[in-house]
């Protein structure tokens, strides 16, 4: 990670704020850059006028990773396009043959952090508590403790709390606290550890002011795990941190009342295990998470949060594991409704219900109502914003969708999933170049994201870069062998490349697979469209409608169907899905 200065720099038509990781044009409009491209620009600007050897830049930008020179060259190319330099133009970044690169524009220091600090929004990141136990299975407790602290601290007025995905992106990495704070744009970092030894549990926690590295508060907690409620530790840490932060928050009134979602220790532990496994987003993780949530509900049927987790899991069975939608999506909706019955003031319950209605019932207004309620209860949920953006994007409200997902990215800046979703929504909005840039960023954040590779394949298809599309689709398929969606994308790209035999082979494989398990009709329709058989594609889309295939929500906005816009059968399908007036 490049060492970030607290200064703001101006050059040409732009302003660079390394501390906030923002590049703005003179009119205030933000300029989108991938994280590594931003780091490259920051390093160049901070060393303006100096010829920087390529190996120095590579060490600065990728300090812990072995990369090829081509990665740096790609970043330079991205920066030149972002800064408006034409082919061969070198207004800002000059290539010095045989030596490296030089930032040649005049740079002026505009503002320093000391002048901004008072106006900065107080923000905190809660890192996952490190499991230092001999028992690796207890890792769930450290993650769960951090996640519940995030939820509790988010109730503080005037305090921005970084979302789980971004805070957890540093898990397992030895990264300096100040660098973490710079990447996340926060002033405070809460970190700690958990150690389980026999029946004893030790939790340490410390609140750090990242600006100077000083500890504002630290404490150690020892508990006998069979005596009393070990989750009292979380409440004690939360109150202590809130009190420490209160001194930094002028005008902060009474501290919010802490409310446990269950008093049943066993149910709470099972819930934390369920979240831990579910967020792995792997087939085994989804199945394990489901089992833990079901056990948690058996232990405490009144726990709304366990029902929320199960409602998420049932949806993932249909979407990620490609199970028969009629067998799992009604359960997803019913379980979310039950969560609201148990506690209607939990924002996530309304968000998961809205999202499940979106995929299952295609009742856009009912889904939107739930998202609105979720955002009333918690306007700072990154997950709710991007899920609501999904509804807006797929129903054709592109400007609103992009505003919502941009808000989500602001709340959760290092989430590869949110970056990937934004790329998909940009593609839906016919902003293909912007979509490709955002998807490159998503893959930088998470190179093993199947959805990011799949969305990138779709973007390359729309751009006409079919070779690249086939590579990305193949990468998605390699990450999830047997996933019909990845197979369909690869077949589509192969067909458009003129390799119809390859596409037909994948088509036949999908049909054979459908004899053993459910294969979403929408994916088979995609292959038919790639093979220029629009009639058969429409037949499979009709089957998707009849079977309530959740992927039918893409039928209006996926650019693969734009050649059907005048087809009466296609128009009829959109009307029956309430996607046309």
Protein backbone atom coordinates (compact mmCIF):
# COMPACT_ATOMS: atom_id res chain seq x y z
CA UNK A 1 0.00 0.00 0.00
CA UNK A 2 1.35 3.40 -0.98
CA UNK A 3 2.08 5.70 1.94
CA UNK A 4 -0.66 8.35 1.75
CA UNK A 5 -0.02 11.99 2.52
CA UNK A 6 -2.63 14.06 4.33
CA UNK A 7 -2.31 16.76 1.69
CA UNK A 8 -4.66 17.60 -1.16
CA UNK A 9 -3.02 18.19 -4.55
CA UNK A 10 -4.19 20.20 -7.55
CA UNK A 11 -2.90 19.74 -11.07
CA UNK A 12 -4.36 20.67 -14.43
CA UNK A 13 -8.11 20.11 -14.30
CA UNK A 14 -8.04 17.83 -11.27
CA UNK A 15 -7.80 17.65 -7.49
CA UNK A 16 -6.37 14.59 -5.73
CA UNK A 17 -7.20 13.83 -2.09
CA UNK A 18 -5.10 10.80 -1.02
CA UNK A 19 -6.52 10.65 2.52
CA UNK A 20 -10.08 10.36 1.19
CA UNK A 21 -8.94 8.35 -1.86
CA UNK A 22 -10.76 10.73 -4.19
CA UNK A 23 -9.89 12.20 -7.59
CA UNK A 24 -12.17 15.05 -8.65
CA UNK A 25 -12.45 17.14 -11.77
CA UNK A 26 -12.55 20.93 -11.37
CA UNK A 27 -16.37 20.83 -11.50
CA UNK A 28 -16.38 18.57 -8.45
CA UNK A 29 -17.35 15.41 -10.33
CA UNK A 30 -15.56 12.32 -9.00
CA UNK A 31 -13.34 10.40 -11.40
CA UNK A 32 -13.64 6.62 -11.09
CA UNK A 33 -10.37 4.74 -10.61
CA UNK A 34 -9.55 1.23 -9.48
CA UNK A 35 -7.71 1.04 -6.12
CA UNK A 36 -4.33 0.22 -7.66
CA UNK A 37 -4.72 2.86 -10.37
CA UNK A 38 -5.44 5.40 -7.63
CA UNK A 39 -2.35 4.28 -5.69
CA UNK A 40 -0.26 4.65 -8.85
CA UNK A 41 -1.53 8.19 -9.45
CA UNK A 42 -1.00 9.18 -5.82
CA UNK A 43 2.59 7.96 -5.86
CA UNK A 44 3.33 9.74 -9.13
CA UNK A 45 1.78 13.01 -7.94
CA UNK A 46 3.57 12.88 -4.59
CA UNK A 47 6.85 12.49 -6.50
CA UNK A 48 6.00 14.94 -9.30
CA UNK A 49 8.97 15.91 -11.44
CA UNK A 50 10.96 12.82 -10.46
CA UNK A 51 11.62 10.05 -12.96
CA UNK A 52 10.39 6.92 -11.15
CA UNK A 53 11.85 3.56 -12.26
CA UNK A 54 9.26 0.91 -12.98
CA UNK A 55 10.60 -1.42 -10.31
CA UNK A 56 10.24 1.32 -7.68
CA UNK A 57 6.63 1.92 -8.70
CA UNK A 58 5.86 -1.79 -8.62
CA UNK A 59 7.32 -2.14 -5.12
CA UNK A 60 5.33 0.88 -3.94
CA UNK A 61 2.00 -0.15 -5.46
CA UNK A 62 2.24 -3.90 -4.81
CA UNK A 63 4.47 -4.15 -1.73
CA UNK A 64 3.45 -7.69 -0.78
CA UNK A 65 2.67 -9.17 -4.17
CA UNK A 66 4.77 -10.36 -7.08
CA UNK A 67 3.33 -8.79 -10.25
CA UNK A 68 4.50 -8.33 -13.80
CA UNK A 69 5.46 -5.04 -15.40
CA UNK A 70 2.33 -5.27 -17.54
CA UNK A 71 0.19 -4.59 -14.44
CA UNK A 72 1.90 -1.22 -14.03
CA UNK A 73 1.59 -0.44 -17.72
CA UNK A 74 -2.14 -1.16 -17.59
CA UNK A 75 -2.52 1.20 -14.64
CA UNK A 76 -0.69 3.96 -16.52
CA UNK A 77 -2.95 3.38 -19.53
CA UNK A 78 -6.06 3.55 -17.33
CA UNK A 79 -4.85 6.77 -15.74
CA UNK A 80 -4.16 8.41 -19.08
CA UNK A 81 -7.68 7.62 -20.25
CA UNK A 82 -9.20 8.81 -16.96
CA UNK A 83 -7.25 12.09 -17.17
CA UNK A 84 -8.37 12.68 -20.74
CA UNK A 85 -5.03 12.15 -22.44
CA UNK A 86 -5.43 11.06 -26.04
CA UNK A 87 -3.35 8.37 -27.69
CA UNK A 88 0.27 9.45 -27.43
CA UNK A 89 -0.62 12.47 -25.29
CA UNK A 90 1.55 13.09 -22.26
CA UNK A 91 0.08 16.12 -20.52
CA UNK A 92 0.30 14.56 -17.07
CA UNK A 93 2.29 11.32 -17.20
CA UNK A 94 5.38 11.05 -19.32
CA UNK A 95 7.02 7.80 -20.37
CA UNK A 96 10.79 8.04 -20.05
CA UNK A 97 12.15 5.34 -22.40
CA UNK A 98 14.38 2.83 -20.69
CA UNK A 99 13.84 4.41 -17.28
CA UNK A 100 10.21 4.65 -16.13
CA UNK A 101 7.50 7.27 -15.69
CA UNK A 102 7.38 10.89 -14.60
CA UNK A 103 4.48 13.09 -13.51
CA UNK A 104 5.16 16.24 -15.52
CA UNK A 105 2.19 18.51 -14.74
CA UNK A 106 2.63 21.34 -12.24
CA UNK A 107 1.32 20.28 -8.83
CA UNK A 108 0.08 22.61 -6.10
CA UNK A 109 -0.65 21.60 -2.49
CA UNK A 110 -4.13 22.92 -1.80
CA UNK A 111 -5.09 21.83 1.72
CA UNK A 112 -3.47 19.94 4.57
CA UNK A 113 -5.22 17.57 6.95
CA UNK A 114 -4.83 19.88 9.97
CA UNK A 115 -7.14 22.38 8.23
CA UNK A 116 -9.69 19.64 7.43
CA UNK A 117 -9.68 17.58 10.57
CA UNK A 118 -12.33 19.50 12.44
CA UNK A 119 -14.75 19.15 9.58
CA UNK A 120 -14.03 15.49 8.96
CA UNK A 121 -16.89 13.11 9.60
CA UNK A 122 -15.95 10.86 12.55
CA UNK A 123 -15.71 7.30 11.29
CA UNK A 124 -14.67 3.96 12.74
CA UNK A 125 -13.72 0.55 11.39
CA UNK A 126 -14.20 -2.58 13.50
CA UNK A 127 -11.75 -5.26 12.43
CA UNK A 128 -12.51 -8.97 12.92
CA UNK A 129 -11.17 -10.11 16.27
CA UNK A 130 -8.20 -12.40 15.69
CA UNK A 131 -8.65 -15.96 16.90
CA UNK A 132 -5.49 -16.87 18.85
CA UNK A 133 -7.00 -20.04 20.30
CA UNK A 134 -5.73 -23.53 19.78
CA UNK A 135 -9.24 -24.24 18.48
CA UNK A 136 -9.52 -22.94 14.88
CA UNK A 137 -13.26 -23.59 14.93
CA UNK A 138 -13.63 -20.65 17.32
CA UNK A 139 -12.83 -18.20 14.53
CA UNK A 140 -16.57 -17.67 14.12
CA UNK A 141 -16.71 -15.95 17.51
CA UNK A 142 -14.14 -13.30 16.62
CA UNK A 143 -15.92 -12.50 13.35
CA UNK A 144 -19.31 -12.51 15.00
CA UNK A 145 -18.16 -10.29 17.85
CA UNK A 146 -16.84 -7.71 15.36
CA UNK A 147 -20.00 -7.87 13.25
CA UNK A 148 -22.30 -7.32 16.22
CA UNK A 149 -20.11 -4.44 17.40
CA UNK A 150 -20.48 -2.89 13.94
CA UNK A 151 -24.26 -3.14 14.25
CA UNK A 152 -24.27 -1.66 17.75
CA UNK A 153 -21.89 1.22 16.97
CA UNK A 154 -23.87 2.16 13.87
CA UNK A 155 -26.57 3.44 16.25
CA UNK A 156 -24.29 6.29 17.38
CA UNK A 157 -25.29 9.70 16.01
CA UNK A 158 -22.66 11.50 13.89
CA UNK A 159 -20.53 8.36 13.54
CA UNK A 160 -19.95 6.52 10.27
CA UNK A 161 -19.21 2.85 10.76
CA UNK A 162 -17.46 1.04 7.90
CA UNK A 163 -19.47 -1.93 6.60
CA UNK A 164 -18.48 -5.50 7.33
CA UNK A 165 -17.07 -6.42 3.92
CA UNK A 166 -14.55 -3.59 3.79
CA UNK A 167 -13.52 -3.94 7.43
CA UNK A 168 -13.08 -7.69 7.03
CA UNK A 169 -11.03 -7.32 3.84
CA UNK A 170 -7.90 -6.99 6.00
CA UNK A 171 -8.52 -10.28 7.79
CA UNK A 172 -5.41 -12.45 7.94
CA UNK A 173 -3.18 -9.64 6.64
CA UNK A 174 -0.46 -7.92 8.62
CA UNK A 175 -1.36 -4.36 7.71
CA UNK A 176 -0.43 -1.25 9.67
CA UNK A 177 -3.39 0.37 11.44
CA UNK A 178 -2.67 3.72 9.81
CA UNK A 179 -2.74 2.19 6.35
CA UNK A 180 -6.04 0.48 7.14
CA UNK A 181 -7.49 3.78 8.32
CA UNK A 182 -6.31 5.53 5.15
CA UNK A 183 -7.81 2.85 2.90
CA UNK A 184 -11.15 3.01 4.71
CA UNK A 185 -11.21 6.76 5.35
CA UNK A 186 -11.64 6.48 9.13
CA UNK A 187 -10.15 8.16 12.21
CA UNK A 188 -10.71 5.30 14.64
CA UNK A 189 -10.01 1.57 14.45
CA UNK A 190 -11.24 -1.04 16.92
CA UNK A 191 -9.24 -4.27 16.95
CA UNK A 192 -8.81 -7.19 19.30
CA UNK A 193 -8.36 -10.91 19.80
CA UNK A 194 -10.16 -13.89 21.29
CA UNK A 195 -8.54 -16.86 23.00
CA UNK A 196 -10.43 -19.97 24.11
CA UNK A 197 -8.57 -22.35 26.37
CA UNK A 198 -10.61 -25.15 27.83
CA UNK A 199 -13.60 -23.48 29.47
CA UNK A 200 -11.96 -20.09 29.69
CA UNK A 201 -12.40 -17.27 27.22
CA UNK A 202 -10.18 -14.20 27.01
CA UNK A 203 -11.08 -11.21 24.84
CA UNK A 204 -8.80 -8.22 24.36
CA UNK A 205 -9.88 -5.03 22.63
CA UNK A 206 -8.33 -1.66 21.89
CA UNK A 207 -9.62 1.51 20.29
CA UNK A 208 -6.92 3.32 18.32
CA UNK A 209 -6.79 6.87 17.01
CA UNK A 210 -5.19 6.16 13.65
CA UNK A 211 -3.97 9.73 13.21
CA UNK A 212 -1.33 9.35 15.91
CA UNK A 213 -1.48 5.64 16.75
CA UNK A 214 -2.51 6.36 20.35
CA UNK A 215 -4.82 4.03 22.25
CA UNK A 216 -7.99 5.79 23.37
CA UNK A 217 -9.12 2.76 25.34
CA UNK A 218 -8.10 -0.86 25.85
CA UNK A 219 -9.29 -3.68 28.06
CA UNK A 220 -8.98 -7.41 28.68
CA UNK A 221 -11.91 -9.63 29.58
CA UNK A 222 -11.70 -13.11 31.14
CA UNK A 223 -14.73 -15.37 31.40
CA UNK A 224 -15.57 -18.88 32.49
CA UNK A 225 -17.58 -20.11 29.54
CA UNK A 226 -19.90 -22.22 31.65
CA UNK A 227 -20.67 -19.43 34.10
CA UNK A 228 -22.91 -16.58 33.08
CA UNK A 229 -23.40 -15.15 29.60
CA UNK A 230 -20.13 -14.87 27.70
CA UNK A 231 -21.86 -12.48 25.30
CA UNK A 232 -21.93 -9.95 28.11
CA UNK A 233 -18.38 -9.25 26.91
CA UNK A 234 -19.74 -7.77 23.69
CA UNK A 235 -22.04 -5.44 25.59
CA UNK A 236 -19.23 -4.30 27.87
CA UNK A 237 -16.90 -3.62 24.93
CA UNK A 238 -19.61 -1.77 23.04
CA UNK A 239 -20.48 0.50 25.95
CA UNK A 240 -16.81 1.19 26.69
CA UNK A 241 -16.09 2.11 23.07
CA UNK A 242 -19.22 4.25 22.86
CA UNK A 243 -18.16 6.13 25.97
CA UNK A 244 -14.66 6.65 24.58
CA UNK A 245 -16.04 7.89 21.26
CA UNK A 246 -18.61 10.12 22.94
CA UNK A 247 -15.80 12.43 24.00
CA UNK A 248 -14.93 12.84 20.31
CA UNK A 249 -18.52 13.52 19.21
CA UNK A 250 -19.69 17.02 20.21
CA UNK A 251 -23.42 17.10 20.83
CA UNK A 252 -23.76 13.35 21.21
CA UNK A 253 -26.74 12.78 23.49
CA UNK A 254 -27.54 9.73 25.54
CA UNK A 255 -25.95 6.54 24.37
CA UNK A 256 -28.31 4.17 22.53
CA UNK A 257 -29.78 1.32 24.52
CA UNK A 258 -28.21 -2.02 23.67
CA UNK A 259 -30.69 -4.73 22.79
CA UNK A 260 -29.80 -8.37 22.40
CA UNK A 261 -31.70 -10.28 19.75
CA UNK A 262 -31.76 -13.37 21.97
CA UNK A 263 -30.93 -14.18 25.57
CA UNK A 264 -30.32 -17.81 24.65
CA UNK A 265 -26.55 -18.35 24.63
CA UNK A 266 -26.79 -21.47 22.47
CA UNK A 267 -29.02 -19.74 19.89
CA UNK A 268 -26.70 -16.76 19.70
CA UNK A 269 -23.65 -18.93 19.16
CA UNK A 270 -25.41 -20.93 16.43
CA UNK A 271 -26.47 -17.68 14.75
CA UNK A 272 -22.88 -16.41 14.72
CA UNK A 273 -21.70 -19.71 13.24
CA UNK A 274 -24.39 -19.44 10.58
CA UNK A 275 -23.28 -15.93 9.56
CA UNK A 276 -19.64 -17.00 9.57
CA UNK A 277 -20.26 -19.86 7.13
CA UNK A 278 -22.87 -18.12 4.97
CA UNK A 279 -20.58 -15.18 4.20
CA UNK A 280 -18.08 -17.55 2.65
CA UNK A 281 -20.55 -17.66 -0.27
CA UNK A 282 -19.41 -21.16 -1.22
CA UNK A 283 -21.81 -24.11 -1.72
CA UNK A 284 -20.51 -25.77 1.44
CA UNK A 285 -20.69 -22.49 3.35
CA UNK A 286 -24.29 -21.83 2.30
CA UNK A 287 -25.35 -25.34 3.32
CA UNK A 288 -23.51 -25.15 6.65
CA UNK A 289 -24.93 -21.71 7.36
CA UNK A 290 -28.45 -22.96 6.67
CA UNK A 291 -28.04 -25.82 9.12
CA UNK A 292 -26.77 -23.50 11.86
CA UNK A 293 -29.63 -21.03 11.36
CA UNK A 294 -32.15 -23.86 11.56
CA UNK A 295 -30.57 -25.06 14.80
CA UNK A 296 -30.59 -21.50 16.16
CA UNK A 297 -34.31 -21.22 15.46
CA UNK A 298 -34.91 -24.52 17.24
CA UNK A 299 -32.98 -23.19 20.24
CA UNK A 300 -34.92 -19.90 20.23
CA UNK A 301 -37.91 -19.71 17.84
CA UNK A 302 -38.40 -16.04 18.75
CA UNK A 303 -35.00 -14.89 17.41
CA UNK A 304 -35.70 -12.66 14.39
CA UNK A 305 -32.03 -12.55 13.39
CA UNK A 306 -31.76 -16.31 12.92
CA UNK A 307 -34.80 -16.12 10.64
CA UNK A 308 -33.13 -13.31 8.68
CA UNK A 309 -30.04 -15.45 8.15
CA UNK A 310 -32.16 -18.39 7.02
CA UNK A 311 -34.11 -16.16 4.61
CA UNK A 312 -30.80 -15.11 3.00
CA UNK A 313 -29.68 -18.74 2.81
CA UNK A 314 -32.87 -19.98 1.10
CA UNK A 315 -32.42 -17.31 -1.59
CA UNK A 316 -28.82 -18.39 -2.12
CA UNK A 317 -30.00 -21.97 -2.64
CA UNK A 318 -31.98 -20.78 -5.65
CA UNK A 319 -29.45 -18.31 -7.06
CA UNK A 320 -26.00 -19.67 -6.22
CA UNK A 321 -26.76 -23.38 -5.96
CA UNK A 322 -29.35 -23.32 -8.80
CA UNK A 323 -31.96 -25.36 -6.94
CA UNK A 324 -35.59 -25.56 -8.10
CA UNK A 325 -36.89 -22.06 -7.30
CA UNK A 326 -40.36 -23.27 -6.36
CA UNK A 327 -38.85 -25.39 -3.60
CA UNK A 328 -36.79 -22.70 -1.87
CA UNK A 329 -37.85 -19.16 -2.81
CA UNK A 330 -41.30 -19.38 -1.17
CA UNK A 331 -39.46 -20.44 2.00
CA UNK A 332 -37.14 -17.44 1.60
CA UNK A 333 -40.10 -15.04 1.49
CA UNK A 334 -42.01 -16.75 4.30
CA UNK A 335 -38.98 -16.83 6.60
CA UNK A 336 -38.29 -13.13 6.01
CA UNK A 337 -41.93 -12.32 6.81
CA UNK A 338 -41.64 -14.35 10.01
CA UNK A 339 -38.58 -12.30 11.00
CA UNK A 340 -40.63 -9.10 10.65
CA UNK A 341 -43.45 -10.61 12.70
CA UNK A 342 -40.93 -11.31 15.46
CA UNK A 343 -39.32 -7.86 15.31
CA UNK A 344 -40.53 -5.32 12.80
CA UNK A 345 -37.87 -2.78 13.78
CA UNK A 346 -34.92 -4.72 12.38
CA UNK A 347 -33.90 -3.05 9.12
CA UNK A 348 -32.26 -6.17 7.69
CA UNK A 349 -35.52 -8.11 8.01
CA UNK A 350 -37.27 -5.66 5.69
CA UNK A 351 -34.31 -5.59 3.31
CA UNK A 352 -34.14 -9.36 2.96
CA UNK A 353 -37.90 -9.54 2.46
CA UNK A 354 -37.73 -6.90 -0.27
CA UNK A 355 -34.87 -8.70 -1.99
CA UNK A 356 -36.58 -12.08 -1.79
CA UNK A 357 -39.84 -10.66 -3.17
CA UNK A 358 -37.81 -9.15 -6.02
CA UNK A 359 -36.40 -12.53 -7.05
CA UNK A 360 -39.39 -14.69 -6.23
CA UNK A 361 -42.66 -12.80 -6.64
CA UNK A 362 -41.70 -10.15 -9.21
CA UNK A 363 -43.88 -7.73 -7.26
CA UNK A 364 -41.77 -4.65 -7.77
CA UNK A 365 -43.90 -2.26 -5.72
CA UNK A 366 -44.10 -4.59 -2.73
CA UNK A 367 -40.34 -5.12 -2.83
CA UNK A 368 -39.69 -1.39 -3.06
CA UNK A 369 -41.93 -0.76 -0.05
CA UNK A 370 -39.79 -3.09 2.05
CA UNK A 371 -36.56 -1.43 0.90
CA UNK A 372 -37.94 1.99 1.81
CA UNK A 373 -38.81 0.74 5.30
CA UNK A 374 -35.37 -0.82 5.71
CA UNK A 375 -33.68 2.45 4.78
CA UNK A 376 -35.90 4.38 7.18
CA UNK A 377 -34.73 2.10 9.99
CA UNK A 378 -31.08 2.12 8.90
CA UNK A 379 -30.09 4.56 6.15
CA UNK A 380 -26.43 3.49 6.40
CA UNK A 381 -26.74 -0.14 5.35
CA UNK A 382 -24.56 -0.72 2.29
CA UNK A 383 -26.29 -4.05 1.63
CA UNK A 384 -29.75 -2.48 1.58
CA UNK A 385 -28.61 0.25 -0.83
CA UNK A 386 -27.10 -2.15 -3.37
CA UNK A 387 -30.01 -4.61 -3.12
CA UNK A 388 -32.46 -1.77 -3.70
CA UNK A 389 -30.27 -0.65 -6.62
CA UNK A 390 -30.71 -4.14 -8.10
CA UNK A 391 -34.48 -3.69 -8.15
CA UNK A 392 -34.19 -0.22 -9.67
CA UNK A 393 -31.71 -1.36 -12.32
CA UNK A 394 -33.64 -4.42 -13.44
CA UNK A 395 -36.87 -2.45 -13.74
CA UNK A 396 -35.17 0.18 -15.89
CA UNK A 397 -34.69 3.05 -13.39
CA UNK A 398 -31.01 3.34 -14.18
CA UNK A 399 -30.14 6.78 -12.79
CA UNK A 400 -31.70 5.96 -9.42
CA UNK A 401 -30.01 2.56 -9.41
CA UNK A 402 -26.57 4.05 -10.00
CA UNK A 403 -27.13 6.62 -7.26
CA UNK A 404 -28.08 3.90 -4.78
CA UNK A 405 -25.16 1.63 -5.60
CA UNK A 406 -22.75 4.58 -5.46
CA UNK A 407 -24.02 5.25 -1.95
CA UNK A 408 -23.45 1.58 -1.09
CA UNK A 409 -19.87 1.78 -2.39
CA UNK A 410 -19.25 4.88 -0.28
CA UNK A 411 -20.36 2.96 2.81
CA UNK A 412 -18.43 -0.19 1.87
CA UNK A 413 -15.53 1.01 -0.32
CA UNK A 414 -13.55 -2.23 -0.51
CA UNK A 415 -16.43 -4.58 -1.29
CA UNK A 416 -15.70 -6.51 -4.46
CA UNK A 417 -19.34 -7.59 -4.61
CA UNK A 418 -20.65 -4.02 -4.58
CA UNK A 419 -18.11 -2.99 -7.24
CA UNK A 420 -19.24 -5.94 -9.36
CA UNK A 421 -22.90 -5.05 -8.92
CA UNK A 422 -22.20 -1.46 -9.90
CA UNK A 423 -20.47 -2.75 -13.02
CA UNK A 424 -23.53 -4.80 -13.89
CA UNK A 425 -25.88 -1.87 -13.33
CA UNK A 426 -23.69 0.36 -15.52
CA UNK A 427 -23.95 -2.28 -18.24
CA UNK A 428 -27.75 -2.28 -17.86
CA UNK A 429 -27.64 1.50 -18.28
CA UNK A 430 -25.69 1.15 -21.57
CA UNK A 431 -22.54 2.64 -19.98
CA UNK A 432 -20.34 -0.19 -21.18
CA UNK A 433 -16.93 1.47 -20.84
CA UNK A 434 -17.73 2.58 -17.30
CA UNK A 435 -18.99 -0.91 -16.54
CA UNK A 436 -15.73 -2.48 -17.71
CA UNK A 437 -13.68 -0.09 -15.55
CA UNK A 438 -15.75 -0.86 -12.46
CA UNK A 439 -15.54 -4.60 -13.09
CA UNK A 440 -11.76 -4.41 -13.41
CA UNK A 441 -11.81 -2.77 -9.99
CA UNK A 442 -14.07 -5.53 -8.65
CA UNK A 443 -11.63 -8.18 -9.85
CA UNK A 444 -8.76 -6.25 -8.29
CA UNK A 445 -10.62 -6.39 -5.00
CA UNK A 446 -11.52 -10.07 -5.38
CA UNK A 447 -9.90 -12.03 -8.20
CA UNK A 448 -11.86 -15.14 -7.19
CA UNK A 449 -15.29 -13.58 -7.58
CA UNK A 450 -17.37 -15.71 -9.95
CA UNK A 451 -19.99 -12.98 -10.36
CA UNK A 452 -17.37 -10.34 -11.22
CA UNK A 453 -15.89 -12.57 -13.93
CA UNK A 454 -19.38 -13.36 -15.24
CA UNK A 455 -20.41 -9.70 -15.34
CA UNK A 456 -17.11 -8.84 -17.03
CA UNK A 457 -17.84 -11.46 -19.69
CA UNK A 458 -21.20 -9.80 -20.38
CA UNK A 459 -19.56 -6.38 -20.61
CA UNK A 460 -16.91 -7.63 -23.05
CA UNK A 461 -19.65 -9.27 -25.14
CA UNK A 462 -21.50 -5.96 -25.38
CA UNK A 463 -18.25 -4.19 -26.28
CA UNK A 464 -17.53 -6.74 -28.99
CA UNK A 465 -14.37 -8.04 -27.30
CA UNK A 466 -15.43 -11.64 -27.67
CA UNK A 467 -12.05 -13.25 -27.01
CA UNK A 468 -11.83 -11.45 -23.66
CA UNK A 469 -15.45 -12.39 -22.98
CA UNK A 470 -14.68 -16.08 -23.50
CA UNK A 471 -11.71 -15.84 -21.13
CA UNK A 472 -13.78 -14.18 -18.39
CA UNK A 473 -16.64 -16.65 -18.81
CA UNK A 474 -14.15 -19.50 -18.63
CA UNK A 475 -12.72 -18.02 -15.42
CA UNK A 476 -16.21 -17.86 -13.91
CA UNK A 477 -16.81 -21.48 -14.88
CA UNK A 478 -13.46 -22.60 -13.44
CA UNK A 479 -14.32 -20.96 -10.12
CA UNK A 480 -17.67 -22.73 -9.98
CA UNK A 481 -17.59 -25.92 -12.09
CA UNK A 482 -21.04 -26.99 -13.10
CA UNK A 483 -22.57 -23.55 -12.64
CA UNK A 484 -25.06 -23.27 -15.50
CA UNK A 485 -24.85 -19.49 -15.66
CA UNK A 486 -21.10 -19.53 -16.25
CA UNK A 487 -21.47 -22.33 -18.80
CA UNK A 488 -24.14 -20.36 -20.69
CA UNK A 489 -21.98 -17.24 -20.87
CA UNK A 490 -19.03 -19.24 -22.18
CA UNK A 491 -21.25 -20.85 -24.82
CA UNK A 492 -22.64 -17.44 -25.85
CA UNK A 493 -19.14 -15.99 -26.25
CA UNK A 494 -17.93 -19.05 -28.17
CA UNK A 495 -20.92 -18.85 -30.52
CA UNK A 496 -20.34 -15.15 -31.21
CA UNK A 497 -16.69 -15.90 -31.91
CA UNK A 498 -17.84 -18.29 -34.63
CA UNK A 499 -16.84 -21.39 -32.66
CA UNK A 500 -20.31 -22.87 -32.93
CA UNK A 501 -19.15 -26.44 -32.30
CA UNK A 502 -17.80 -25.40 -28.89
CA UNK A 503 -21.01 -23.54 -28.10
CA UNK A 504 -23.15 -26.48 -29.21
CA UNK A 505 -21.10 -28.84 -27.05
CA UNK A 506 -21.79 -26.70 -23.97
CA UNK A 507 -25.46 -26.51 -24.95
CA UNK A 508 -25.64 -30.30 -25.12
CA UNK A 509 -23.86 -30.52 -21.78
CA UNK A 510 -26.47 -28.24 -20.20
CA UNK A 511 -29.29 -30.37 -21.57
CA UNK A 512 -27.65 -33.53 -20.21
CA UNK A 513 -27.15 -31.80 -16.88
CA UNK A 514 -30.84 -30.86 -16.80
CA UNK A 515 -31.69 -34.58 -16.71
CA UNK A 516 -29.86 -34.90 -13.37
CA UNK A 517 -30.71 -31.61 -11.66
CA UNK A 518 -32.47 -28.31 -12.19
CA UNK A 519 -30.91 -26.09 -14.86
CA UNK A 520 -32.42 -22.58 -14.99
CA UNK A 521 -34.26 -22.12 -18.32
CA UNK A 522 -32.96 -18.57 -18.57
CA UNK A 523 -29.41 -19.86 -19.01
CA UNK A 524 -30.39 -22.23 -21.81
CA UNK A 525 -32.19 -19.32 -23.48
CA UNK A 526 -28.93 -17.33 -23.36
CA UNK A 527 -27.12 -20.09 -25.27
CA UNK A 528 -29.87 -20.25 -27.89
CA UNK A 529 -29.64 -16.49 -28.36
CA UNK A 530 -25.89 -16.79 -28.82
CA UNK A 531 -26.48 -19.40 -31.49
CA UNK A 532 -28.86 -16.96 -33.27
CA UNK A 533 -31.89 -19.13 -32.57
CA UNK A 534 -34.17 -16.44 -31.18
CA UNK A 535 -37.29 -18.56 -31.57
CA UNK A 536 -35.88 -21.30 -29.33
CA UNK A 537 -34.52 -18.67 -26.95
CA UNK A 538 -38.04 -17.27 -26.53
CA UNK A 539 -39.37 -20.78 -25.91
CA UNK A 540 -36.89 -21.23 -23.06
CA UNK A 541 -37.69 -17.76 -21.69
CA UNK A 542 -41.33 -18.79 -21.65
CA UNK A 543 -40.37 -21.87 -19.65
CA UNK A 544 -38.45 -19.60 -17.30
CA UNK A 545 -41.59 -17.55 -16.79
CA UNK A 546 -43.69 -20.65 -16.11
CA UNK A 547 -41.14 -22.06 -13.67
CA UNK A 548 -40.64 -18.71 -11.91
CA UNK A 549 -36.94 -18.78 -12.72
CA UNK A 550 -35.57 -15.87 -10.64
CA UNK A 551 -33.11 -14.95 -13.40
CA UNK A 552 -36.05 -13.77 -15.47
CA UNK A 553 -35.67 -10.45 -13.65
CA UNK A 554 -32.89 -9.70 -16.18
CA UNK A 555 -35.07 -10.16 -19.26
CA UNK A 556 -35.69 -6.43 -19.75
CA UNK A 557 -32.19 -5.05 -19.18
CA UNK A 558 -29.70 -7.73 -20.26
CA UNK A 559 -28.34 -6.35 -23.57
CA UNK A 560 -28.33 -9.87 -25.05
CA UNK A 561 -32.07 -9.51 -25.61
CA UNK A 562 -32.07 -6.12 -27.31
CA UNK A 563 -32.51 -7.69 -30.76
CA UNK A 564 -35.89 -9.00 -29.56
CA UNK A 565 -37.32 -5.60 -28.62
CA UNK A 566 -39.77 -5.65 -31.56
CA UNK A 567 -40.76 -9.29 -31.16
CA UNK A 568 -44.40 -9.55 -30.03
CA UNK A 569 -43.74 -12.66 -27.91
CA UNK A 570 -40.91 -10.87 -26.10
CA UNK A 571 -43.02 -7.74 -25.54
CA UNK A 572 -45.84 -9.91 -24.19
CA UNK A 573 -43.43 -11.57 -21.77
CA UNK A 574 -42.27 -8.20 -20.45
CA UNK A 575 -45.86 -7.06 -19.94
CA UNK A 576 -46.76 -10.23 -18.03
CA UNK A 577 -43.80 -9.57 -15.74
CA UNK A 578 -44.99 -5.97 -15.22
CA UNK A 579 -41.79 -4.70 -16.82
CA UNK A 580 -43.68 -2.69 -19.44
CA UNK A 581 -46.59 -0.31 -18.93
